[in-house]
C-alpha atoms as a PDB file:
ATOM      1  CA  MET A   1      23.110 121.539 140.961  1.00  0.00           C
ATOM      2  CA  SER A   2      19.814 120.697 142.606  1.00  0.00           C
ATOM      3  CA  THR A   3      17.957 122.547 145.318  1.00  0.00           C
ATOM      4  CA  PRO A   4      15.758 121.141 148.107  1.00  0.00           C
ATOM      5  CA  ASP A   5      12.564 121.602 146.068  1.00  0.00           C
ATOM      6  CA  HIS A   6      13.726 119.172 143.375  1.00  0.00           C
ATOM      7  CA  VAL A   7      12.120 115.730 143.212  1.00  0.00           C
ATOM      8  CA  VAL A   8      15.060 113.325 143.377  1.00  0.00           C
ATOM      9  CA  LEU A   9      15.082 110.319 141.048  1.00  0.00           C
ATOM     10  CA  ARG A  10      17.450 107.640 139.824  1.00  0.00           C
ATOM     11  CA  LEU A  11      18.553 107.765 136.212  1.00  0.00           C
ATOM     12  CA  PRO A  12      16.078 105.475 134.397  1.00  0.00           C
ATOM     13  CA  PHE A  13      18.553 103.509 132.278  1.00  0.00           C
ATOM     14  CA  ARG A  14      21.837 101.605 132.277  1.00  0.00           C
ATOM     15  CA  GLY A  15      25.041 102.667 130.573  1.00  0.00           C
ATOM     16  CA  THR A  16      26.060 106.070 129.196  1.00  0.00           C
ATOM     17  CA  TRP A  17      23.519 108.589 127.910  1.00  0.00           C
ATOM     18  CA  LEU A  18      23.824 112.138 126.596  1.00  0.00           C
ATOM     19  CA  ALA A  19      21.702 114.846 128.267  1.00  0.00           C
ATOM     20  CA  ARG A  20      19.748 117.168 125.981  1.00  0.00           C
ATOM     21  CA  ASN A  21      17.303 120.021 126.631  1.00  0.00           C
ATOM     22  CA  SER A  22      18.511 120.272 130.203  1.00  0.00           C
ATOM     23  CA  PRO A  23      16.771 122.659 132.612  1.00  0.00           C
ATOM     24  CA  ALA A  24      20.282 123.386 133.924  1.00  0.00           C
ATOM     25  CA  ARG A  25      20.719 125.330 130.658  1.00  0.00           C
ATOM     26  CA  ARG A  26      17.334 127.062 130.429  1.00  0.00           C
ATOM     27  CA  VAL A  27      13.780 126.989 131.805  1.00  0.00           C
ATOM     28  CA  PRO A  28      11.459 126.085 130.209  1.00  0.00           C
ATOM     29  CA  SER A  29      13.845 123.419 128.998  1.00  0.00           C
ATOM     30  CA  HIS A  30      11.941 122.596 125.803  1.00  0.00           C
ATOM     31  CA  GLY A  31      11.077 126.233 125.117  1.00  0.00           C
ATOM     32  CA  THR A  32       7.487 125.935 126.350  1.00  0.00           C
ATOM     33  CA  HIS A  33       5.402 125.201 129.442  1.00  0.00           C
ATOM     34  CA  LEU A  34       2.905 123.311 127.271  1.00  0.00           C
ATOM     35  CA  PHE A  35       2.047 119.795 128.508  1.00  0.00           C
ATOM     36  CA  ALA A  36       3.973 120.482 131.766  1.00  0.00           C
ATOM     37  CA  THR A  37       7.334 120.183 129.985  1.00  0.00           C
ATOM     38  CA  THR A  38       8.867 123.088 131.949  1.00  0.00           C
ATOM     39  CA  TYR A  39      11.688 120.999 133.483  1.00  0.00           C
ATOM     40  CA  ALA A  40      11.636 118.002 131.112  1.00  0.00           C
ATOM     41  CA  MET A  41      14.866 116.355 129.965  1.00  0.00           C
ATOM     42  CA  ASP A  42      15.891 114.145 127.062  1.00  0.00           C
ATOM     43  CA  PHE A  43      18.526 111.411 127.160  1.00  0.00           C
ATOM     44  CA  ILE A  44      20.179 109.695 124.181  1.00  0.00           C
ATOM     45  CA  ALA A  45      22.237 106.512 124.587  1.00  0.00           C
ATOM     46  CA  VAL A  46      25.823 106.923 123.434  1.00  0.00           C
ATOM     47  CA  GLN A  47      29.088 105.069 123.059  1.00  0.00           C
ATOM     48  CA  GLY A  48      31.659 107.724 123.707  1.00  0.00           C
ATOM     49  CA  ARG A  49      29.609 110.529 122.199  1.00  0.00           C
ATOM     50  CA  ARG A  50      28.354 108.621 119.193  1.00  0.00           C
ATOM     51  CA  THR A  51      24.591 108.025 119.103  1.00  0.00           C
ATOM     52  CA  ALA A  52      24.559 105.458 116.294  1.00  0.00           C
ATOM     53  CA  THR A  53      26.625 102.656 114.824  1.00  0.00           C
ATOM     54  CA  LYS A  54      27.428 104.680 111.723  1.00  0.00           C
ATOM     55  CA  ARG A  55      26.945 107.906 109.814  1.00  0.00           C
ATOM     56  CA  ASP A  56      26.570 107.674 106.035  1.00  0.00           C
ATOM     57  CA  TRP A  57      24.789 109.336 103.115  1.00  0.00           C
ATOM     58  CA  ARG A  58      21.414 108.693 104.758  1.00  0.00           C
ATOM     59  CA  SER A  59      22.540 110.709 107.792  1.00  0.00           C
ATOM     60  CA  LEU A  60      23.197 113.683 105.529  1.00  0.00           C
ATOM     61  CA  LEU A  61      20.385 113.422 102.986  1.00  0.00           C
ATOM     62  CA  TYR A  62      17.605 111.115 104.090  1.00  0.00           C
ATOM     63  CA  THR A  63      15.969 109.202 106.934  1.00  0.00           C
ATOM     64  CA  GLU A  64      17.696 106.379 108.818  1.00  0.00           C
ATOM     65  CA  PRO A  65      16.622 103.040 110.322  1.00  0.00           C
ATOM     66  CA  VAL A  66      16.142 103.321 114.077  1.00  0.00           C
ATOM     67  CA  GLU A  67      17.983 100.052 114.638  1.00  0.00           C
ATOM     68  CA  ARG A  68      21.337 101.740 114.013  1.00  0.00           C
ATOM     69  CA  PHE A  69      20.876 103.977 117.094  1.00  0.00           C
ATOM     70  CA  PHE A  70      22.256 102.755 120.427  1.00  0.00           C
ATOM     71  CA  ALA A  71      19.188 103.918 122.377  1.00  0.00           C
ATOM     72  CA  PHE A  72      16.687 101.890 120.390  1.00  0.00           C
ATOM     73  CA  GLY A  73      15.559  98.864 122.401  1.00  0.00           C
ATOM     74  CA  GLN A  74      17.495  99.762 125.553  1.00  0.00           C
ATOM     75  CA  PRO A  75      15.544  99.009 128.765  1.00  0.00           C
ATOM     76  CA  ILE A  76      13.925 101.982 130.465  1.00  0.00           C
ATOM     77  CA  LEU A  77      13.777 101.647 134.250  1.00  0.00           C
ATOM     78  CA  ALA A  78      11.520 103.023 136.964  1.00  0.00           C
ATOM     79  CA  PRO A  79      13.300 106.103 138.370  1.00  0.00           C
ATOM     80  CA  ALA A  80      11.680 105.654 141.802  1.00  0.00           C
ATOM     81  CA  ASP A  81       9.149 103.538 143.678  1.00  0.00           C
ATOM     82  CA  GLY A  82       5.589 104.239 142.665  1.00  0.00           C
ATOM     83  CA  ARG A  83       2.389 103.088 141.007  1.00  0.00           C
ATOM     84  CA  VAL A  84       1.505 102.919 137.321  1.00  0.00           C
ATOM     85  CA  VAL A  85      -1.283 105.403 136.642  1.00  0.00           C
ATOM     86  CA  SER A  86      -1.575 104.728 132.927  1.00  0.00           C
ATOM     87  CA  VAL A  87       0.236 103.306 129.939  1.00  0.00           C
ATOM     88  CA  HIS A  88      -0.077 104.044 126.253  1.00  0.00           C
ATOM     89  CA  ASP A  89       1.268 101.611 123.662  1.00  0.00           C
ATOM     90  CA  GLY A  90       0.698 100.844 120.020  1.00  0.00           C
ATOM     91  CA  GLU A  91       2.144 103.984 118.391  1.00  0.00           C
ATOM     92  CA  VAL A  92       4.593 103.206 115.597  1.00  0.00           C
ATOM     93  CA  ASP A  93       8.320 103.856 115.849  1.00  0.00           C
ATOM     94  CA  HIS A  94       9.232 106.431 113.211  1.00  0.00           C
ATOM     95  CA  VAL A  95      12.320 106.418 111.052  1.00  0.00           C
ATOM     96  CA  ALA A  96      15.140 108.571 112.432  1.00  0.00           C
ATOM     97  CA  ARG A  97      16.045 111.989 111.040  1.00  0.00           C
ATOM     98  CA  ARG A  98      19.467 113.581 111.467  1.00  0.00           C
ATOM     99  CA  SER A  99      19.548 115.162 108.018  1.00  0.00           C
ATOM    100  CA  GLN A 100      18.388 118.774 107.746  1.00  0.00           C
ATOM    101  CA  LEU A 101      16.622 117.764 104.525  1.00  0.00           C
ATOM    102  CA  ALA A 102      14.640 115.143 106.430  1.00  0.00           C
ATOM    103  CA  LEU A 103      14.001 117.424 109.411  1.00  0.00           C
ATOM    104  CA  LEU A 104      12.442 120.237 107.395  1.00  0.00           C
ATOM    105  CA  PRO A 105       9.230 118.455 106.313  1.00  0.00           C
ATOM    106  CA  TYR A 106       8.987 116.975 109.812  1.00  0.00           C
ATOM    107  CA  ALA A 107       9.083 120.460 111.363  1.00  0.00           C
ATOM    108  CA  LEU A 108       6.265 121.581 109.089  1.00  0.00           C
ATOM    109  CA  THR A 109       3.947 118.934 110.618  1.00  0.00           C
ATOM    110  CA  GLN A 110       4.717 119.884 114.236  1.00  0.00           C
ATOM    111  CA  ALA A 111       1.446 121.733 114.778  1.00  0.00           C
ATOM    112  CA  ALA A 112      -0.566 118.742 113.598  1.00  0.00           C
ATOM    113  CA  ARG A 113       1.178 116.498 116.138  1.00  0.00           C
ATOM    114  CA  VAL A 114       0.385 118.918 118.958  1.00  0.00           C
ATOM    115  CA  ARG A 115      -3.279 118.790 117.956  1.00  0.00           C
ATOM    116  CA  GLY A 116      -3.099 115.001 117.941  1.00  0.00           C
ATOM    117  CA  GLY A 117      -2.821 114.762 121.726  1.00  0.00           C
ATOM    118  CA  ALA A 118      -0.682 112.618 124.016  1.00  0.00           C
ATOM    119  CA  GLY A 119      -0.140 109.740 121.610  1.00  0.00           C
ATOM    120  CA  ALA A 120       1.100 112.036 118.856  1.00  0.00           C
ATOM    121  CA  ILE A 121       3.425 113.961 121.177  1.00  0.00           C
ATOM    122  CA  ALA A 122       4.632 111.493 123.835  1.00  0.00           C
ATOM    123  CA  GLY A 123       4.175 108.403 121.695  1.00  0.00           C
ATOM    124  CA  ASN A 124       4.169 105.228 123.733  1.00  0.00           C
ATOM    125  CA  HIS A 125       4.615 106.211 127.377  1.00  0.00           C
ATOM    126  CA  VAL A 126       4.257 105.215 131.003  1.00  0.00           C
ATOM    127  CA  LEU A 127       2.884 107.529 133.689  1.00  0.00           C
ATOM    128  CA  LEU A 128       3.922 106.779 137.282  1.00  0.00           C
ATOM    129  CA  GLU A 129       2.667 108.293 140.526  1.00  0.00           C
ATOM    130  CA  LEU A 130       5.637 108.476 142.875  1.00  0.00           C
ATOM    131  CA  ASP A 131       5.319 107.256 146.446  1.00  0.00           C
ATOM    132  CA  ASN A 132       4.962 109.842 149.219  1.00  0.00           C
ATOM    133  CA  ARG A 133       3.155 112.298 146.915  1.00  0.00           C
ATOM    134  CA  GLY A 134       6.338 112.981 145.003  1.00  0.00           C
ATOM    135  CA  GLY A 135       4.574 113.852 141.764  1.00  0.00           C
ATOM    136  CA  PHE A 136       3.801 112.093 138.504  1.00  0.00           C
ATOM    137  CA  VAL A 137       6.616 110.971 136.187  1.00  0.00           C
ATOM    138  CA  VAL A 138       6.198 110.560 132.427  1.00  0.00           C
ATOM    139  CA  LEU A 139       8.620 108.335 130.490  1.00  0.00           C
ATOM    140  CA  ALA A 140       7.979 108.892 126.795  1.00  0.00           C
ATOM    141  CA  HIS A 141       8.897 107.868 123.217  1.00  0.00           C
ATOM    142  CA  LEU A 142       8.957 104.163 124.151  1.00  0.00           C
ATOM    143  CA  ARG A 143       9.304 101.335 121.658  1.00  0.00           C
ATOM    144  CA  ALA A 144       6.063  99.975 120.249  1.00  0.00           C
ATOM    145  CA  GLY A 145       4.912  96.823 122.032  1.00  0.00           C
ATOM    146  CA  SER A 146       7.608  97.002 124.703  1.00  0.00           C
ATOM    147  CA  VAL A 147       5.653  98.211 127.763  1.00  0.00           C
ATOM    148  CA  ARG A 148       5.963  95.580 130.496  1.00  0.00           C
ATOM    149  CA  VAL A 149       3.731  97.043 133.236  1.00  0.00           C
ATOM    150  CA  GLY A 150       0.024  97.691 133.562  1.00  0.00           C
ATOM    151  CA  GLU A 151      -2.263 100.272 135.095  1.00  0.00           C
ATOM    152  CA  GLY A 152      -2.439 100.043 138.883  1.00  0.00           C
ATOM    153  CA  GLU A 153       0.746  98.001 139.213  1.00  0.00           C
ATOM    154  CA  SER A 154       3.273  98.936 141.893  1.00  0.00           C
ATOM    155  CA  VAL A 155       6.862  99.303 140.707  1.00  0.00           C
ATOM    156  CA  VAL A 156      10.209  99.694 142.444  1.00  0.00           C
ATOM    157  CA  ALA A 157      13.154 101.836 141.433  1.00  0.00           C
ATOM    158  CA  GLY A 158      15.258 100.070 138.806  1.00  0.00           C
ATOM    159  CA  GLN A 159      12.441  97.842 137.534  1.00  0.00           C
ATOM    160  CA  GLU A 160      12.267  97.499 133.743  1.00  0.00           C
ATOM    161  CA  LEU A 161       9.169  99.283 132.436  1.00  0.00           C
ATOM    162  CA  ALA A 162       9.650  99.263 128.655  1.00  0.00           C
ATOM    163  CA  ASP A 163      12.270  99.829 125.957  1.00  0.00           C
ATOM    164  CA  CYS A 164      13.473 103.076 124.449  1.00  0.00           C
ATOM    165  CA  GLY A 165      11.935 103.793 121.076  1.00  0.00           C
ATOM    166  CA  ASN A 166      11.201 106.525 118.565  1.00  0.00           C
ATOM    167  CA  SER A 167       7.445 106.975 118.852  1.00  0.00           C
ATOM    168  CA  GLY A 168       5.557 110.245 119.075  1.00  0.00           C
ATOM    169  CA  ASN A 169       7.252 113.591 118.502  1.00  0.00           C
ATOM    170  CA  SER A 170      10.773 112.191 118.152  1.00  0.00           C
ATOM    171  CA  THR A 171      13.403 112.470 115.442  1.00  0.00           C
ATOM    172  CA  GLN A 172      15.770 109.810 116.788  1.00  0.00           C
ATOM    173  CA  PRO A 173      15.503 107.196 119.554  1.00  0.00           C
ATOM    174  CA  HIS A 174      15.714 108.827 122.969  1.00  0.00           C
ATOM    175  CA  LEU A 175      13.998 109.000 126.344  1.00  0.00           C
ATOM    176  CA  HIS A 176      11.940 112.012 127.422  1.00  0.00           C
ATOM    177  CA  ILE A 177      11.291 112.329 131.163  1.00  0.00           C
ATOM    178  CA  GLN A 178       9.350 114.919 133.135  1.00  0.00           C
ATOM    179  CA  ILE A 179       7.596 115.321 136.491  1.00  0.00           C
ATOM    180  CA  MET A 180       4.166 116.907 136.902  1.00  0.00           C
ATOM    181  CA  ASP A 181       2.079 117.931 139.905  1.00  0.00           C
ATOM    182  CA  SER A 182      -0.971 116.047 138.580  1.00  0.00           C
ATOM    183  CA  ALA A 183      -1.684 113.243 136.145  1.00  0.00           C
ATOM    184  CA  ASP A 184      -3.241 115.449 133.454  1.00  0.00           C
ATOM    185  CA  PRO A 185      -0.560 117.074 131.236  1.00  0.00           C
ATOM    186  CA  PHE A 186      -3.110 119.568 129.905  1.00  0.00           C
ATOM    187  CA  THR A 187      -3.605 121.139 133.339  1.00  0.00           C
ATOM    188  CA  ALA A 188      -0.514 120.060 135.329  1.00  0.00           C
ATOM    189  CA  ARG A 189       2.520 122.154 136.162  1.00  0.00           C
ATOM    190  CA  GLY A 190       5.998 120.798 135.589  1.00  0.00           C
ATOM    191  CA  LEU A 191       8.132 120.111 138.673  1.00  0.00           C
ATOM    192  CA  PRO A 192      11.945 120.358 138.849  1.00  0.00           C
ATOM    193  CA  MET A 193      13.817 117.082 139.165  1.00  0.00           C
ATOM    194  CA  ALA A 194      17.324 116.007 140.102  1.00  0.00           C
ATOM    195  CA  PHE A 195      19.122 112.665 139.903  1.00  0.00           C
ATOM    196  CA  GLN A 196      21.202 110.855 142.468  1.00  0.00           C
ATOM    197  CA  GLU A 197      24.447 108.883 142.307  1.00  0.00           C
ATOM    198  CA  TYR A 198      25.800 109.103 138.793  1.00  0.00           C
ATOM    199  CA  ARG A 199      29.000 109.800 136.872  1.00  0.00           C
ATOM    200  CA  ALA A 200      29.114 112.846 134.623  1.00  0.00           C
ATOM    201  CA  TRP A 201      31.548 113.451 131.777  1.00  0.00           C
ATOM    202  CA  ARG A 202      31.489 117.250 131.494  1.00  0.00           C
ATOM    203  CA  ARG A 203      33.634 117.317 128.346  1.00  0.00           C
ATOM    204  CA  PRO A 204      35.093 114.695 126.022  1.00  0.00           C
ATOM    205  CA  GLY A 205      38.360 113.150 127.200  1.00  0.00           C
ATOM    206  CA  VAL A 206      38.168 114.288 130.822  1.00  0.00           C
ATOM    207  CA  THR A 207      37.823 112.214 133.980  1.00  0.00           C
ATOM    208  CA  PRO A 208      34.162 111.935 135.008  1.00  0.00           C
ATOM    209  CA  ASP A 209      32.859 113.549 138.177  1.00  0.00           C
ATOM    210  CA  VAL A 210      30.863 111.534 140.691  1.00  0.00           C
ATOM    211  CA  VAL A 211      27.628 113.381 141.470  1.00  0.00           C
ATOM    212  CA  GLU A 212      25.662 112.558 144.618  1.00  0.00           C
ATOM    213  CA  ARG A 213      22.708 114.690 143.558  1.00  0.00           C
ATOM    214  CA  GLY A 214      22.382 117.035 140.629  1.00  0.00           C
ATOM    215  CA  VAL A 215      20.836 118.098 137.344  1.00  0.00           C
ATOM    216  CA  PRO A 216      22.879 117.014 134.317  1.00  0.00           C
ATOM    217  CA  ASN A 217      24.132 119.930 132.268  1.00  0.00           C
ATOM    218  CA  GLU A 218      23.465 120.266 128.558  1.00  0.00           C
ATOM    219  CA  SER A 219      25.537 117.770 126.504  1.00  0.00           C
ATOM    220  CA  GLU A 220      26.945 115.974 129.556  1.00  0.00           C
ATOM    221  CA  VAL A 221      27.283 112.208 129.304  1.00  0.00           C
ATOM    222  CA  VAL A 222      25.936 110.522 132.421  1.00  0.00           C
ATOM    223  CA  GLU A 223      25.960 106.987 133.773  1.00  0.00           C
ATOM    224  CA  PRO A 224      24.164 105.737 136.893  1.00  0.00           C
ATOM    225  CA  LEU A 225      26.347 104.257 139.637  1.00  0.00           C
END
C-alpha cells in the first residue's frame, strides 16, 4: 500500500498488465539506485498471464520476434497532467529473449549498455515534468518511431504518448516507469510512486480487488478502471 509521500499516478496503459520489479517487494526495486531507478516498476501486457501469442522452440533455444508479444505496439498513456521535457526516439527494437541460451550473451554486454548512456539503457523514452512540482516521470523502452509528443508540449492524463516497444536495455516488450526529483537521471533521486483506481488480480483464478490507491505487488496483474 502507498503512503502520503508517494506521487500518485494513473496506470499508463489500457487492459491487463503484469507488474514486475515492484518496489512493494524490495527497494531498490531493480537492485540499484543507479539512474534514479530506486522505485522504478516494469509492466508487461498479458492475456490471462500469458505475455505472448505462443511459446515454441524459439522460446526455449533462441530469440523471438517482438510482434508475438502482447505489449508490443500497445499505446502508452500519460500517467498524469504535465509537460514534455524531452523525448528520445530512433533506437531500434531488439528481438525478444526468453531463452536462457539467448539471455546469457545479452547479460555479458550489460556493462557496455550502461556505458552507452540513456539511449542504450532506456531506449526510446519520454520524460514528463508533472504539474504542481510532482516530479519527473520517465516512460521507457518505447517502440521506434512511435513517439507522438514533442518537447515543451503540455499533456493530460490518459493522452497517448507513444507505443510500447523493446528498445534499450530490454529483453521483451514492456514498459519501464519511474519518478525522479530532477530531470537528470545521472544526478536525480528516485521518488516512490503509487497508482490510483485499478483492479488487481493477486493470484491466478481469484476475484480481483479494486484498489483506490496502491503499489502493485510483484507478479500482480493490474488493469486501470
